[in-house]
Amino acid sequence: MVFSQQTEDFRSVKTYYNQHRSMLNQEFKKKFDKEKNNFVKVSIKNDFQLFMRKMDSIENVALIGALLKTKNLEDLQHFKGLKLNLNNLQDLPQTIDKNADYPGGINALRQEVANLFYSDGVYSEIRDVKTQIAFIVEKDGSISNVKAEGENFTLNRQAEIALYSVVERFSPSYINGIAVRSRFKLPLSLKFD
């Protein structure tokens, strides 16, 4: 059985806000369909779009909270496991049988990250901003230790949230026929008009 990539925290934030979007959509649609006056209909539509943009912003705040919690837990695991890893080092010959891969390939990953990316959460006075996202693909295909490095903090944070929000798991790397943890890098750029 393949489980989702998302942590429970990211999944519950997404589920909560998607349910509320659906309910609000239904209520606005009822109000819109009842209305006969076209000017009032335009006003209802504008109110709906404004409300959804605010909902996106509020969801982003919740996702930032999930990101901070996830990173703190990963840091704790790192410190906890640091002592164990030093005792378990082995000098085995390493032949990479297969590199880690995302279902559908790198372009599918880029597309999913783009779809999950909240660009309104990025503040920049520069037109073109870039970041490099590095992360670990675990033995089970999940990701951890996501770290975006670039000059724009808000772009880095949104890139990390988008990557942690990816639903599909990777297929892990294999060395000598055994699944192993591996590093993965993904460059990301954004253009503002």
N, C-alpha and C. Protein backbone atom coordinates (compact mmCIF):
# COMPACT_ATOMS: atom_id res chain seq x y z
N MET A 1 0.84 -1.17 0.00
CA MET A 1 0.00 0.00 0.00
C MET A 1 0.89 1.24 0.00
N VAL A 2 0.60 2.21 -0.84
CA VAL A 2 1.36 3.45 -0.93
C VAL A 2 0.62 4.54 -0.17
N PHE A 3 1.32 5.17 0.74
CA PHE A 3 0.71 6.24 1.52
C PHE A 3 1.10 7.58 0.92
N SER A 4 0.34 8.58 1.24
CA SER A 4 0.58 9.92 0.74
C SER A 4 1.91 10.46 1.26
N GLN A 5 2.51 11.33 0.49
CA GLN A 5 3.75 12.00 0.88
C GLN A 5 3.48 13.00 2.01
N GLN A 6 2.37 13.69 1.96
CA GLN A 6 2.10 14.76 2.91
C GLN A 6 2.05 14.26 4.35
N THR A 7 2.58 15.09 5.25
CA THR A 7 2.44 14.78 6.66
C THR A 7 0.99 15.02 7.06
N GLU A 8 0.60 14.49 8.18
CA GLU A 8 -0.77 14.66 8.66
C GLU A 8 -1.10 16.14 8.85
N ASP A 9 -0.13 16.94 9.28
CA ASP A 9 -0.37 18.37 9.49
C ASP A 9 -0.72 19.07 8.18
N PHE A 10 0.05 18.82 7.13
CA PHE A 10 -0.23 19.45 5.83
C PHE A 10 -1.56 18.93 5.26
N ARG A 11 -1.79 17.64 5.41
CA ARG A 11 -3.02 17.04 4.90
C ARG A 11 -4.25 17.62 5.60
N SER A 12 -4.19 17.78 6.92
CA SER A 12 -5.36 18.29 7.64
C SER A 12 -5.62 19.76 7.32
N VAL A 13 -4.57 20.57 7.13
CA VAL A 13 -4.77 21.97 6.72
C VAL A 13 -5.44 22.01 5.36
N LYS A 14 -4.92 21.24 4.40
CA LYS A 14 -5.50 21.22 3.05
C LYS A 14 -6.95 20.75 3.09
N THR A 15 -7.24 19.69 3.82
CA THR A 15 -8.59 19.15 3.90
C THR A 15 -9.55 20.17 4.51
N TYR A 16 -9.14 20.78 5.59
CA TYR A 16 -9.97 21.77 6.28
C TYR A 16 -10.35 22.92 5.35
N TYR A 17 -9.36 23.51 4.70
CA TYR A 17 -9.63 24.67 3.85
C TYR A 17 -10.36 24.28 2.56
N ASN A 18 -10.09 23.10 2.02
CA ASN A 18 -10.84 22.65 0.84
C ASN A 18 -12.31 22.43 1.17
N GLN A 19 -12.60 21.89 2.34
CA GLN A 19 -14.00 21.70 2.75
C GLN A 19 -14.70 23.04 2.90
N HIS A 20 -14.03 24.00 3.50
CA HIS A 20 -14.64 25.32 3.68
C HIS A 20 -14.80 26.06 2.35
N ARG A 21 -13.85 25.89 1.45
CA ARG A 21 -14.00 26.49 0.12
C ARG A 21 -15.24 25.92 -0.58
N SER A 22 -15.41 24.63 -0.46
CA SER A 22 -16.55 23.97 -1.10
C SER A 22 -17.87 24.49 -0.53
N MET A 23 -17.97 24.60 0.79
CA MET A 23 -19.19 25.10 1.42
C MET A 23 -19.46 26.55 1.03
N LEU A 24 -18.42 27.38 1.05
CA LEU A 24 -18.59 28.78 0.67
C LEU A 24 -18.97 28.92 -0.80
N ASN A 25 -18.38 28.10 -1.63
CA ASN A 25 -18.71 28.12 -3.05
C ASN A 25 -20.20 27.83 -3.25
N GLN A 26 -20.71 26.84 -2.54
CA GLN A 26 -22.13 26.50 -2.65
C GLN A 26 -23.02 27.64 -2.18
N GLU A 27 -22.66 28.28 -1.07
CA GLU A 27 -23.48 29.38 -0.54
C GLU A 27 -23.47 30.58 -1.48
N PHE A 28 -22.29 30.95 -1.97
CA PHE A 28 -22.22 32.07 -2.92
C PHE A 28 -22.98 31.75 -4.20
N LYS A 29 -22.89 30.49 -4.65
CA LYS A 29 -23.60 30.09 -5.88
C LYS A 29 -25.11 30.20 -5.68
N LYS A 30 -25.62 29.79 -4.53
CA LYS A 30 -27.06 29.92 -4.24
C LYS A 30 -27.48 31.38 -4.31
N LYS A 31 -26.70 32.22 -3.66
CA LYS A 31 -27.01 33.66 -3.64
C LYS A 31 -26.94 34.24 -5.05
N PHE A 32 -25.93 33.84 -5.80
CA PHE A 32 -25.75 34.33 -7.17
C PHE A 32 -26.91 33.88 -8.07
N ASP A 33 -27.28 32.60 -7.97
CA ASP A 33 -28.35 32.06 -8.81
C ASP A 33 -29.72 32.67 -8.50
N LYS A 34 -29.95 33.05 -7.25
CA LYS A 34 -31.22 33.66 -6.84
C LYS A 34 -31.38 35.08 -7.37
N GLU A 35 -30.25 35.76 -7.48
CA GLU A 35 -30.27 37.18 -7.83
C GLU A 35 -30.65 37.39 -9.30
N LYS A 36 -31.54 38.37 -9.54
CA LYS A 36 -31.98 38.69 -10.91
C LYS A 36 -31.22 39.88 -11.49
N ASN A 37 -30.82 40.78 -10.63
CA ASN A 37 -30.15 42.00 -11.07
C ASN A 37 -28.69 41.69 -11.44
N ASN A 38 -28.29 42.00 -12.68
CA ASN A 38 -26.94 41.69 -13.17
C ASN A 38 -25.85 42.48 -12.44
N PHE A 39 -26.17 43.72 -12.03
CA PHE A 39 -25.18 44.51 -11.30
C PHE A 39 -24.89 43.88 -9.93
N VAL A 40 -25.93 43.40 -9.29
CA VAL A 40 -25.77 42.75 -7.99
C VAL A 40 -25.02 41.42 -8.18
N LYS A 41 -25.29 40.72 -9.28
CA LYS A 41 -24.58 39.47 -9.56
C LYS A 41 -23.07 39.71 -9.69
N VAL A 42 -22.71 40.79 -10.38
CA VAL A 42 -21.29 41.13 -10.53
C VAL A 42 -20.69 41.42 -9.16
N SER A 43 -21.43 42.11 -8.31
CA SER A 43 -20.95 42.41 -6.97
C SER A 43 -20.77 41.13 -6.14
N ILE A 44 -21.70 40.19 -6.27
CA ILE A 44 -21.60 38.91 -5.56
C ILE A 44 -20.37 38.15 -6.04
N LYS A 45 -20.14 38.15 -7.35
CA LYS A 45 -18.97 37.46 -7.91
C LYS A 45 -17.67 38.08 -7.40
N ASN A 46 -17.62 39.41 -7.38
CA ASN A 46 -16.42 40.10 -6.87
C ASN A 46 -16.19 39.81 -5.39
N ASP A 47 -17.27 39.80 -4.61
CA ASP A 47 -17.17 39.46 -3.19
C ASP A 47 -16.62 38.05 -3.01
N PHE A 48 -17.12 37.12 -3.81
CA PHE A 48 -16.67 35.73 -3.75
C PHE A 48 -15.17 35.63 -4.05
N GLN A 49 -14.71 36.30 -5.10
CA GLN A 49 -13.29 36.24 -5.47
C GLN A 49 -12.41 36.85 -4.38
N LEU A 50 -12.85 37.97 -3.80
CA LEU A 50 -12.11 38.60 -2.72
C LEU A 50 -12.05 37.67 -1.50
N PHE A 51 -13.18 37.06 -1.19
CA PHE A 51 -13.25 36.17 -0.05
C PHE A 51 -12.32 34.98 -0.25
N MET A 52 -12.27 34.42 -1.45
CA MET A 52 -11.40 33.27 -1.72
C MET A 52 -9.92 33.65 -1.64
N ARG A 53 -9.57 34.86 -2.09
CA ARG A 53 -8.18 35.31 -1.95
C ARG A 53 -7.80 35.43 -0.48
N LYS A 54 -8.73 35.93 0.34
CA LYS A 54 -8.46 36.02 1.78
C LYS A 54 -8.34 34.62 2.38
N MET A 55 -9.19 33.69 1.92
CA MET A 55 -9.13 32.31 2.40
C MET A 55 -7.77 31.70 2.05
N ASP A 56 -7.26 31.96 0.85
CA ASP A 56 -5.93 31.47 0.44
C ASP A 56 -4.86 32.01 1.38
N SER A 57 -4.96 33.28 1.73
CA SER A 57 -3.98 33.90 2.61
C SER A 57 -4.03 33.28 4.01
N ILE A 58 -5.21 33.04 4.52
CA ILE A 58 -5.36 32.43 5.84
C ILE A 58 -4.84 30.99 5.81
N GLU A 59 -5.14 30.26 4.74
CA GLU A 59 -4.62 28.90 4.60
C GLU A 59 -3.09 28.91 4.59
N ASN A 60 -2.51 29.91 3.94
CA ASN A 60 -1.06 30.00 3.87
C ASN A 60 -0.46 30.17 5.27
N VAL A 61 -1.12 30.96 6.12
CA VAL A 61 -0.64 31.12 7.49
C VAL A 61 -0.66 29.77 8.22
N ALA A 62 -1.73 29.01 8.02
CA ALA A 62 -1.82 27.67 8.63
C ALA A 62 -0.73 26.75 8.08
N LEU A 63 -0.44 26.84 6.79
CA LEU A 63 0.62 26.02 6.19
C LEU A 63 2.00 26.42 6.72
N ILE A 64 2.20 27.70 6.99
CA ILE A 64 3.47 28.15 7.58
C ILE A 64 3.63 27.51 8.96
N GLY A 65 2.53 27.45 9.72
CA GLY A 65 2.56 26.78 11.03
C GLY A 65 2.92 25.31 10.89
N ALA A 66 2.33 24.63 9.89
CA ALA A 66 2.64 23.22 9.65
C ALA A 66 4.10 23.06 9.24
N LEU A 67 4.61 23.99 8.44
CA LEU A 67 6.02 23.95 8.02
C LEU A 67 6.94 24.08 9.24
N LEU A 68 6.66 25.04 10.10
CA LEU A 68 7.50 25.24 11.29
C LEU A 68 7.48 24.00 12.19
N LYS A 69 6.30 23.42 12.38
CA LYS A 69 6.20 22.22 13.21
C LYS A 69 6.99 21.07 12.59
N THR A 70 6.84 20.87 11.28
CA THR A 70 7.55 19.79 10.58
C THR A 70 9.06 19.97 10.69
N LYS A 71 9.54 21.19 10.46
CA LYS A 71 10.98 21.44 10.53
C LYS A 71 11.51 21.24 11.96
N ASN A 72 10.74 21.68 12.96
CA ASN A 72 11.16 21.48 14.35
C ASN A 72 11.24 19.99 14.69
N LEU A 73 10.26 19.22 14.26
CA LEU A 73 10.28 17.77 14.52
C LEU A 73 11.45 17.10 13.80
N GLU A 74 11.72 17.53 12.57
CA GLU A 74 12.87 16.97 11.84
C GLU A 74 14.18 17.31 12.54
N ASP A 75 14.29 18.54 13.05
CA ASP A 75 15.50 18.92 13.78
C ASP A 75 15.68 18.06 15.02
N LEU A 76 14.59 17.82 15.75
CA LEU A 76 14.66 16.96 16.93
C LEU A 76 15.09 15.54 16.56
N GLN A 77 14.53 15.00 15.47
CA GLN A 77 14.91 13.66 15.00
C GLN A 77 16.38 13.62 14.61
N HIS A 78 16.84 14.70 13.99
CA HIS A 78 18.25 14.78 13.57
C HIS A 78 19.17 14.69 14.79
N PHE A 79 18.87 15.47 15.81
CA PHE A 79 19.72 15.45 17.00
C PHE A 79 19.62 14.11 17.73
N LYS A 80 18.44 13.54 17.74
CA LYS A 80 18.24 12.25 18.38
C LYS A 80 19.00 11.15 17.63
N GLY A 81 18.96 11.21 16.31
CA GLY A 81 19.60 10.17 15.49
C GLY A 81 21.07 10.38 15.25
N LEU A 82 21.58 11.56 15.55
CA LEU A 82 22.99 11.86 15.30
C LEU A 82 23.90 10.89 16.03
N LYS A 83 23.59 10.59 17.27
CA LYS A 83 24.39 9.68 18.07
C LYS A 83 24.35 8.27 17.48
N LEU A 84 23.16 7.81 17.05
CA LEU A 84 23.02 6.47 16.47
C LEU A 84 23.77 6.33 15.15
N ASN A 85 23.69 7.34 14.30
CA ASN A 85 24.31 7.27 12.98
C ASN A 85 25.83 7.17 13.05
N LEU A 86 26.45 7.80 14.04
CA LEU A 86 27.90 7.74 14.16
C LEU A 86 28.38 6.33 14.49
N ASN A 87 27.55 5.54 15.16
CA ASN A 87 27.92 4.18 15.52
C ASN A 87 27.62 3.17 14.40
N ASN A 88 26.81 3.55 13.42
CA ASN A 88 26.38 2.60 12.38
C ASN A 88 27.03 2.83 11.02
N LEU A 89 28.13 3.56 10.97
CA LEU A 89 28.78 3.81 9.69
C LEU A 89 29.46 2.53 9.20
N GLN A 90 29.30 2.24 7.89
CA GLN A 90 29.92 1.05 7.30
C GLN A 90 30.63 1.45 6.03
N ASP A 91 31.71 0.76 5.72
CA ASP A 91 32.45 1.01 4.50
C ASP A 91 32.10 -0.05 3.46
N LEU A 92 30.88 0.02 2.92
CA LEU A 92 30.46 -0.91 1.88
C LEU A 92 30.71 -0.29 0.51
N PRO A 93 31.10 -1.11 -0.46
CA PRO A 93 31.21 -0.56 -1.81
C PRO A 93 29.82 -0.12 -2.26
N GLN A 94 29.74 1.06 -2.82
CA GLN A 94 28.43 1.60 -3.18
C GLN A 94 28.30 1.76 -4.68
N THR A 95 27.38 1.00 -5.25
CA THR A 95 27.04 1.12 -6.65
C THR A 95 25.60 1.57 -6.73
N ILE A 96 25.38 2.72 -7.30
CA ILE A 96 24.01 3.22 -7.40
C ILE A 96 23.29 2.44 -8.49
N ASP A 97 22.28 1.68 -8.05
CA ASP A 97 21.47 0.91 -9.00
C ASP A 97 20.42 1.79 -9.64
N LYS A 98 19.84 2.69 -8.84
CA LYS A 98 18.74 3.52 -9.32
C LYS A 98 18.70 4.78 -8.48
N ASN A 99 18.60 5.93 -9.15
CA ASN A 99 18.44 7.20 -8.45
C ASN A 99 16.99 7.41 -8.06
N ALA A 100 16.76 8.22 -7.03
CA ALA A 100 15.40 8.57 -6.61
C ALA A 100 14.68 9.25 -7.77
N ASP A 101 13.38 8.99 -7.88
CA ASP A 101 12.60 9.56 -8.98
C ASP A 101 11.18 9.84 -8.51
N TYR A 102 10.60 10.89 -9.05
CA TYR A 102 9.22 11.24 -8.75
C TYR A 102 8.32 10.58 -9.80
N PRO A 103 7.13 10.10 -9.40
CA PRO A 103 6.22 9.50 -10.39
C PRO A 103 5.93 10.48 -11.53
N GLY A 104 6.21 10.09 -12.73
CA GLY A 104 6.02 10.97 -13.89
C GLY A 104 7.25 11.79 -14.22
N GLY A 105 8.28 11.70 -13.38
CA GLY A 105 9.54 12.38 -13.66
C GLY A 105 9.63 13.78 -13.07
N ILE A 106 10.75 14.42 -13.34
CA ILE A 106 11.04 15.74 -12.79
C ILE A 106 10.04 16.79 -13.25
N ASN A 107 9.57 16.68 -14.50
CA ASN A 107 8.60 17.67 -14.99
C ASN A 107 7.27 17.56 -14.27
N ALA A 108 6.86 16.35 -13.91
CA ALA A 108 5.63 16.16 -13.13
C ALA A 108 5.80 16.78 -11.74
N LEU A 109 6.98 16.63 -11.15
CA LEU A 109 7.26 17.24 -9.85
C LEU A 109 7.21 18.76 -9.96
N ARG A 110 7.85 19.31 -10.97
CA ARG A 110 7.84 20.76 -11.17
C ARG A 110 6.40 21.28 -11.31
N GLN A 111 5.59 20.55 -12.08
CA GLN A 111 4.20 20.97 -12.30
C GLN A 111 3.41 20.92 -11.00
N GLU A 112 3.59 19.88 -10.21
CA GLU A 112 2.86 19.78 -8.95
C GLU A 112 3.28 20.88 -7.99
N VAL A 113 4.58 21.15 -7.90
CA VAL A 113 5.06 22.23 -7.04
C VAL A 113 4.48 23.56 -7.52
N ALA A 114 4.45 23.78 -8.82
CA ALA A 114 3.87 25.02 -9.36
C ALA A 114 2.39 25.14 -9.01
N ASN A 115 1.66 24.03 -9.08
CA ASN A 115 0.24 24.04 -8.76
C ASN A 115 -0.02 24.32 -7.28
N LEU A 116 0.90 23.88 -6.43
CA LEU A 116 0.74 24.05 -4.98
C LEU A 116 1.34 25.35 -4.47
N PHE A 117 2.10 26.03 -5.31
CA PHE A 117 2.83 27.22 -4.91
C PHE A 117 1.88 28.41 -4.73
N TYR A 118 1.99 29.10 -3.61
CA TYR A 118 1.16 30.27 -3.29
C TYR A 118 1.99 31.53 -3.56
N SER A 119 1.91 32.05 -4.79
CA SER A 119 2.75 33.17 -5.20
C SER A 119 2.39 34.48 -4.48
N ASP A 120 1.14 34.61 -4.00
CA ASP A 120 0.78 35.83 -3.26
C ASP A 120 1.52 35.92 -1.93
N GLY A 121 2.13 34.83 -1.49
CA GLY A 121 2.91 34.83 -0.25
C GLY A 121 4.36 35.23 -0.46
N VAL A 122 4.72 35.55 -1.71
CA VAL A 122 6.09 35.96 -2.02
C VAL A 122 6.12 37.47 -2.21
N TYR A 123 7.00 38.11 -1.47
CA TYR A 123 7.15 39.56 -1.57
C TYR A 123 8.53 39.85 -2.14
N SER A 124 8.54 40.56 -3.27
CA SER A 124 9.81 40.84 -3.91
C SER A 124 9.72 42.13 -4.72
N GLU A 125 10.77 42.91 -4.66
CA GLU A 125 10.88 44.10 -5.50
C GLU A 125 11.64 43.77 -6.78
N ILE A 126 12.21 42.58 -6.83
CA ILE A 126 12.96 42.12 -8.00
C ILE A 126 12.02 41.30 -8.87
N ARG A 127 12.12 41.46 -10.18
CA ARG A 127 11.22 40.78 -11.11
C ARG A 127 11.43 39.27 -11.15
N ASP A 128 12.68 38.84 -11.23
CA ASP A 128 13.01 37.41 -11.29
C ASP A 128 13.64 36.98 -9.98
N VAL A 129 13.03 36.00 -9.31
CA VAL A 129 13.59 35.47 -8.07
C VAL A 129 13.78 33.96 -8.24
N LYS A 130 14.83 33.45 -7.61
CA LYS A 130 15.18 32.03 -7.75
C LYS A 130 15.53 31.44 -6.40
N THR A 131 15.32 30.13 -6.32
CA THR A 131 15.74 29.39 -5.14
C THR A 131 16.12 27.98 -5.57
N GLN A 132 16.89 27.33 -4.76
CA GLN A 132 17.29 25.93 -4.97
C GLN A 132 16.75 25.15 -3.78
N ILE A 133 15.88 24.16 -4.03
CA ILE A 133 15.30 23.38 -2.94
C ILE A 133 16.06 22.06 -2.85
N ALA A 134 16.66 21.83 -1.70
CA ALA A 134 17.36 20.56 -1.43
C ALA A 134 16.55 19.80 -0.39
N PHE A 135 16.48 18.50 -0.54
CA PHE A 135 15.74 17.68 0.42
C PHE A 135 16.24 16.26 0.37
N ILE A 136 15.80 15.48 1.34
CA ILE A 136 16.16 14.07 1.42
C ILE A 136 14.98 13.23 0.95
N VAL A 137 15.24 12.28 0.07
CA VAL A 137 14.25 11.27 -0.27
C VAL A 137 14.56 10.08 0.63
N GLU A 138 13.62 9.77 1.52
CA GLU A 138 13.82 8.70 2.49
C GLU A 138 13.69 7.33 1.83
N LYS A 139 14.02 6.28 2.56
CA LYS A 139 13.95 4.90 2.03
C LYS A 139 12.54 4.52 1.61
N ASP A 140 11.52 5.12 2.24
CA ASP A 140 10.14 4.78 1.90
C ASP A 140 9.56 5.71 0.82
N GLY A 141 10.38 6.64 0.30
CA GLY A 141 9.94 7.54 -0.76
C GLY A 141 9.38 8.86 -0.26
N SER A 142 9.23 9.00 1.05
CA SER A 142 8.77 10.28 1.59
C SER A 142 9.94 11.26 1.55
N ILE A 143 9.65 12.53 1.76
CA ILE A 143 10.72 13.53 1.77
C ILE A 143 10.85 14.13 3.16
N SER A 144 12.04 14.61 3.45
CA SER A 144 12.30 15.27 4.73
C SER A 144 13.39 16.30 4.53
N ASN A 145 13.62 17.06 5.56
CA ASN A 145 14.71 18.04 5.58
C ASN A 145 14.71 18.95 4.36
N VAL A 146 13.54 19.47 4.01
CA VAL A 146 13.43 20.38 2.87
C VAL A 146 14.04 21.71 3.25
N LYS A 147 14.94 22.19 2.42
CA LYS A 147 15.61 23.46 2.68
C LYS A 147 15.75 24.20 1.35
N ALA A 148 15.08 25.34 1.26
CA ALA A 148 15.20 26.18 0.06
C ALA A 148 16.21 27.27 0.34
N GLU A 149 17.13 27.46 -0.60
CA GLU A 149 18.15 28.48 -0.44
C GLU A 149 18.13 29.41 -1.63
N GLY A 150 17.89 30.66 -1.33
CA GLY A 150 17.87 31.73 -2.32
C GLY A 150 17.88 33.05 -1.58
N GLU A 151 17.91 34.13 -2.32
CA GLU A 151 18.02 35.45 -1.69
C GLU A 151 16.70 35.94 -1.10
N ASN A 152 15.58 35.37 -1.52
CA ASN A 152 14.27 35.86 -1.07
C ASN A 152 13.67 34.88 -0.05
N PHE A 153 13.59 35.33 1.20
CA PHE A 153 13.09 34.47 2.28
C PHE A 153 11.66 34.00 2.01
N THR A 154 10.80 34.88 1.52
CA THR A 154 9.40 34.49 1.31
C THR A 154 9.27 33.47 0.18
N LEU A 155 10.10 33.58 -0.85
CA LEU A 155 10.10 32.57 -1.92
C LEU A 155 10.57 31.23 -1.35
N ASN A 156 11.62 31.26 -0.55
CA ASN A 156 12.14 30.03 0.06
C ASN A 156 11.06 29.35 0.89
N ARG A 157 10.37 30.11 1.72
CA ARG A 157 9.33 29.55 2.59
C ARG A 157 8.19 28.95 1.77
N GLN A 158 7.72 29.64 0.75
CA GLN A 158 6.63 29.13 -0.08
C GLN A 158 7.06 27.89 -0.87
N ALA A 159 8.33 27.86 -1.29
CA ALA A 159 8.84 26.68 -2.00
C ALA A 159 8.87 25.48 -1.08
N GLU A 160 9.28 25.68 0.17
CA GLU A 160 9.31 24.58 1.15
C GLU A 160 7.90 24.07 1.43
N ILE A 161 6.94 24.99 1.59
CA ILE A 161 5.55 24.60 1.84
C ILE A 161 5.02 23.79 0.66
N ALA A 162 5.27 24.27 -0.56
CA ALA A 162 4.78 23.57 -1.75
C ALA A 162 5.37 22.17 -1.83
N LEU A 163 6.66 22.03 -1.54
CA LEU A 163 7.28 20.70 -1.64
C LEU A 163 6.76 19.76 -0.57
N TYR A 164 6.60 20.25 0.66
CA TYR A 164 6.03 19.41 1.71
C TYR A 164 4.57 19.06 1.42
N SER A 165 3.89 19.84 0.57
CA SER A 165 2.48 19.60 0.25
C SER A 165 2.29 18.62 -0.91
N VAL A 166 3.37 18.25 -1.59
CA VAL A 166 3.29 17.30 -2.69
C VAL A 166 2.68 15.99 -2.18
N VAL A 167 1.73 15.45 -2.92
CA VAL A 167 0.99 14.28 -2.46
C VAL A 167 1.73 12.97 -2.75
N GLU A 168 2.25 12.80 -3.94
CA GLU A 168 2.88 11.54 -4.33
C GLU A 168 4.24 11.35 -3.66
N ARG A 169 4.57 10.10 -3.43
CA ARG A 169 5.89 9.76 -2.90
C ARG A 169 6.85 9.48 -4.05
N PHE A 170 8.12 9.66 -3.78
CA PHE A 170 9.18 9.31 -4.72
C PHE A 170 9.40 7.81 -4.69
N SER A 171 10.04 7.30 -5.72
CA SER A 171 10.63 5.97 -5.60
C SER A 171 12.05 6.25 -5.12
N PRO A 172 12.52 5.55 -4.09
CA PRO A 172 13.82 5.89 -3.49
C PRO A 172 14.99 5.46 -4.36
N SER A 173 16.17 5.90 -3.96
CA SER A 173 17.41 5.44 -4.58
C SER A 173 17.73 4.04 -4.05
N TYR A 174 18.44 3.29 -4.87
CA TYR A 174 18.88 1.95 -4.46
C TYR A 174 20.38 1.84 -4.66
N ILE A 175 21.06 1.31 -3.65
CA ILE A 175 22.49 1.02 -3.74
C ILE A 175 22.65 -0.45 -3.37
N ASN A 176 23.29 -1.18 -4.26
CA ASN A 176 23.47 -2.62 -4.06
C ASN A 176 22.15 -3.32 -3.78
N GLY A 177 21.10 -2.86 -4.44
CA GLY A 177 19.78 -3.48 -4.31
C GLY A 177 19.01 -3.12 -3.06
N ILE A 178 19.53 -2.19 -2.27
CA ILE A 178 18.87 -1.80 -1.01
C ILE A 178 18.44 -0.34 -1.10
N ALA A 179 17.19 -0.08 -0.70
CA ALA A 179 16.69 1.30 -0.69
C ALA A 179 17.50 2.12 0.32
N VAL A 180 17.92 3.31 -0.10
CA VAL A 180 18.72 4.19 0.75
C VAL A 180 18.18 5.61 0.69
N ARG A 181 18.53 6.39 1.71
CA ARG A 181 18.22 7.82 1.70
C ARG A 181 19.12 8.50 0.68
N SER A 182 18.60 9.54 0.04
CA SER A 182 19.43 10.27 -0.92
C SER A 182 19.01 11.74 -0.97
N ARG A 183 19.95 12.55 -1.41
CA ARG A 183 19.68 13.99 -1.56
C ARG A 183 19.10 14.24 -2.94
N PHE A 184 18.23 15.23 -3.00
CA PHE A 184 17.60 15.61 -4.26
C PHE A 184 17.56 17.13 -4.29
N LYS A 185 17.80 17.72 -5.46
CA LYS A 185 17.75 19.18 -5.60
C LYS A 185 16.80 19.56 -6.72
N LEU A 186 16.08 20.65 -6.50
CA LEU A 186 15.12 21.15 -7.47
C LEU A 186 15.23 22.67 -7.55
N PRO A 187 15.70 23.22 -8.68
CA PRO A 187 15.73 24.67 -8.82
C PRO A 187 14.32 25.21 -9.11
N LEU A 188 14.04 26.41 -8.63
CA LEU A 188 12.73 27.01 -8.83
C LEU A 188 12.93 28.50 -9.08
N SER A 189 12.21 29.03 -10.06
CA SER A 189 12.28 30.47 -10.32
C SER A 189 10.86 31.01 -10.50
N LEU A 190 10.71 32.29 -10.22
CA LEU A 190 9.41 32.95 -10.29
C LEU A 190 9.62 34.32 -10.92
N LYS A 191 8.74 34.68 -11.85
CA LYS A 191 8.79 36.00 -12.49
C LYS A 191 7.56 36.80 -12.11
N PHE A 192 7.80 38.03 -11.67
CA PHE A 192 6.70 38.94 -11.35
C PHE A 192 6.51 39.91 -12.51
N ASP A 193 5.29 40.18 -12.81
CA ASP A 193 4.98 41.17 -13.89
C ASP A 193 4.83 42.55 -13.34
